[in-house]
Amino acid sequence: MKKRTMILAAVAASTLGLATVHARPRFGMGPGSMMGPGGMDGPAMMLPLLLRSANLTDEQEAQVQKIMADRRAQTRALVREMRAAQGALLDKLFTAGDVKADDLKPEMDRLTRTRMQLMDHALTTALDIRKVLTPEQLARTAKIKDRMRALHDQMRDLVEEGEE
């Protein structure tokens, strides 16, 4: 039963995170932005924060906006497919009768395949955006990333201390 609860929680968290990240019209911070996949250090969360810290010029911001706009339709299609795959998994998981892990394999394979496509798409987008940044901006974002990771580690340690 615990495994089923964990699967449900993971599916719900990833759906909420992606819906939040992809609902924002810009790459900047917006409502619910701390809910990116993977928590505060998730890839979908890191890119907007790092771009804000890069202090983009107006020209760079326009280039980033174009990259994002050019990819928006494919991103939305992949998110829709992922939601459909999650829905199919949940439908099968919570049907009447006994459900075994093997019964869920087709839905899990579909979900895994879609998540991989979404990750590949996000990685390609991030690499193209990275090309827009100057070496100085990349250095600044690297420092911010390290500071964010350290902060996340401190927060996780605090939570784990509270659980003991």
Protein backbone atom coordinates (compact mmCIF):
# COMPACT_ATOMS: atom_id res chain seq x y z
CA MET A 1 0.00 0.00 0.00
CA LYS A 2 2.88 2.34 0.81
CA LYS A 3 4.28 1.84 -2.71
CA ARG A 4 0.95 2.85 -4.25
CA THR A 5 0.82 5.98 -2.10
CA MET A 6 4.35 6.91 -3.16
CA ILE A 7 3.49 6.43 -6.85
CA LEU A 8 0.37 8.58 -6.47
CA ALA A 9 2.31 11.30 -4.65
CA ALA A 10 5.04 11.32 -7.32
CA VAL A 11 2.50 11.53 -10.13
CA ALA A 12 0.60 14.35 -8.43
CA ALA A 13 3.77 16.32 -7.61
CA SER A 14 5.17 16.09 -11.13
CA THR A 15 1.85 17.11 -12.68
CA LEU A 16 1.50 20.08 -10.35
CA GLY A 17 5.11 21.13 -10.87
CA LEU A 18 4.99 21.00 -14.65
CA ALA A 19 1.62 22.72 -14.79
CA THR A 20 2.99 25.52 -12.64
CA VAL A 21 6.23 25.91 -14.57
CA HIS A 22 4.68 25.82 -18.02
CA ALA A 23 1.73 28.06 -17.16
CA ARG A 24 3.95 31.11 -16.74
CA PRO A 25 4.19 33.20 -19.90
CA ARG A 26 7.78 34.27 -19.22
CA PHE A 27 10.84 32.60 -17.83
CA GLY A 28 10.78 34.80 -14.72
CA MET A 29 9.35 34.01 -11.34
CA GLY A 30 5.62 33.77 -11.01
CA PRO A 31 2.93 32.43 -8.71
CA GLY A 32 3.67 28.93 -7.48
CA SER A 33 7.17 28.94 -8.92
CA MET A 34 8.65 27.02 -6.02
CA MET A 35 6.73 23.95 -7.13
CA GLY A 36 8.99 22.88 -9.99
CA PRO A 37 9.62 19.18 -10.57
CA GLY A 38 12.23 17.93 -8.16
CA GLY A 39 11.56 20.67 -5.63
CA MET A 40 13.63 23.80 -5.24
CA ASP A 41 16.61 22.41 -7.12
CA GLY A 42 14.66 20.78 -9.95
CA PRO A 43 15.75 21.61 -13.49
CA ALA A 44 12.50 23.36 -14.31
CA MET A 45 12.96 25.54 -11.24
CA MET A 46 16.64 26.31 -11.69
CA LEU A 47 16.53 27.76 -15.20
CA PRO A 48 14.15 30.66 -14.46
CA LEU A 49 16.03 31.56 -11.29
CA LEU A 50 19.40 31.39 -13.00
CA LEU A 51 18.19 33.51 -15.91
CA ARG A 52 17.00 36.15 -13.46
CA SER A 53 20.41 36.17 -11.80
CA ALA A 54 22.18 36.51 -15.17
CA ASN A 55 20.95 40.09 -15.64
CA LEU A 56 20.11 39.61 -19.30
CA THR A 57 20.27 42.53 -21.67
CA ASP A 58 17.10 43.46 -23.54
CA GLU A 59 18.52 41.77 -26.65
CA GLN A 60 19.33 38.59 -24.73
CA GLU A 61 15.91 38.56 -23.13
CA ALA A 62 14.34 38.85 -26.58
CA GLN A 63 16.46 35.92 -27.79
CA VAL A 64 15.45 33.80 -24.80
CA GLN A 65 11.79 34.72 -25.32
CA LYS A 66 12.05 33.65 -28.97
CA ILE A 67 13.63 30.32 -28.03
CA MET A 68 10.87 29.72 -25.48
CA ALA A 69 8.12 30.81 -27.87
CA ASP A 70 9.46 28.59 -30.66
CA ARG A 71 9.33 25.59 -28.33
CA ARG A 72 6.09 26.37 -26.48
CA ALA A 73 3.80 24.29 -28.71
CA GLN A 74 5.98 21.19 -28.42
CA THR A 75 6.35 21.70 -24.68
CA ARG A 76 2.60 21.93 -24.24
CA ALA A 77 2.05 18.83 -26.38
CA LEU A 78 4.54 16.87 -24.29
CA VAL A 79 2.97 18.08 -21.04
CA ARG A 80 -0.49 17.06 -22.34
CA GLU A 81 0.86 13.61 -23.24
CA MET A 82 2.48 13.26 -19.83
CA ARG A 83 -0.79 14.20 -18.10
CA ALA A 84 -2.65 11.68 -20.25
CA ALA A 85 -0.11 9.00 -19.36
CA GLN A 86 -0.43 9.87 -15.67
CA GLY A 87 -4.20 9.76 -15.95
CA ALA A 88 -4.09 6.34 -17.60
CA LEU A 89 -1.82 5.08 -14.83
CA LEU A 90 -4.08 6.45 -12.10
CA ASP A 91 -7.18 5.04 -13.79
CA LYS A 92 -5.65 1.58 -13.91
CA LEU A 93 -4.10 1.86 -10.45
CA PHE A 94 -7.39 2.69 -8.78
CA THR A 95 -9.73 0.33 -10.59
CA ALA A 96 -11.76 -2.25 -8.75
CA GLY A 97 -10.07 -5.57 -8.27
CA ASP A 98 -6.51 -6.66 -7.72
CA VAL A 99 -3.82 -4.72 -9.58
CA LYS A 100 -0.26 -5.98 -9.79
CA ALA A 101 2.86 -4.08 -10.83
CA ASP A 102 2.98 -6.02 -14.12
CA ASP A 103 -0.53 -4.77 -14.93
CA LEU A 104 0.79 -1.18 -14.79
CA LYS A 105 3.85 -1.74 -16.98
CA PRO A 106 2.35 -0.35 -20.25
CA GLU A 107 1.21 2.82 -18.49
CA MET A 108 4.53 3.19 -16.66
CA ASP A 109 6.44 2.70 -19.93
CA ARG A 110 4.31 5.38 -21.62
CA LEU A 111 4.86 7.76 -18.72
CA THR A 112 8.62 7.09 -18.63
CA ARG A 113 8.91 7.59 -22.39
CA THR A 114 6.99 10.87 -22.23
CA ARG A 115 9.02 12.16 -19.29
CA MET A 116 12.23 11.35 -21.16
CA GLN A 117 10.98 13.25 -24.21
CA LEU A 118 10.08 16.20 -22.01
CA MET A 119 13.49 16.12 -20.34
CA ASP A 120 15.25 15.95 -23.72
CA HIS A 121 13.17 18.87 -24.94
CA ALA A 122 13.96 20.89 -21.80
CA LEU A 123 17.66 20.09 -22.09
CA THR A 124 17.79 21.20 -25.73
CA THR A 125 16.00 24.41 -24.78
CA ALA A 126 18.37 25.06 -21.87
CA LEU A 127 21.43 24.45 -24.07
CA ASP A 128 20.13 26.89 -26.68
CA ILE A 129 19.46 29.48 -23.99
CA ARG A 130 22.93 28.91 -22.55
CA LYS A 131 24.43 29.95 -25.90
CA VAL A 132 22.86 33.40 -25.43
CA LEU A 133 24.78 34.05 -22.18
CA THR A 134 28.21 35.65 -21.97
CA PRO A 135 31.05 33.89 -20.09
CA GLU A 136 30.58 36.38 -17.24
CA GLN A 137 26.87 35.61 -17.04
CA LEU A 138 27.59 31.88 -17.05
CA ALA A 139 30.06 32.35 -14.19
CA ARG A 140 27.48 34.37 -12.22
CA THR A 141 24.78 31.75 -12.77
CA ALA A 142 27.20 28.98 -11.71
CA LYS A 143 27.81 30.77 -8.41
CA ILE A 144 24.08 31.28 -7.86
CA LYS A 145 23.41 27.61 -8.68
CA ASP A 146 25.99 26.53 -6.10
CA ARG A 147 24.50 28.85 -3.48
CA MET A 148 20.98 27.59 -4.23
CA ARG A 149 22.13 23.98 -3.95
CA ALA A 150 23.82 24.71 -0.61
CA LEU A 151 20.66 26.41 0.66
CA HIS A 152 18.56 23.45 -0.45
CA ASP A 153 20.92 21.08 1.36
CA GLN A 154 20.61 23.16 4.53
CA MET A 155 16.81 23.11 4.26
CA ARG A 156 16.78 19.34 3.73
CA ASP A 157 19.05 18.89 6.76
CA LEU A 158 16.67 20.98 8.88
CA VAL A 159 13.70 18.89 7.79
CA GLU A 160 15.56 15.64 8.44
CA GLU A 161 16.58 16.88 11.92
CA GLY A 162 12.91 17.55 12.67
CA GLU A 163 11.97 14.00 11.67
CA GLU A 164 14.36 12.40 14.15
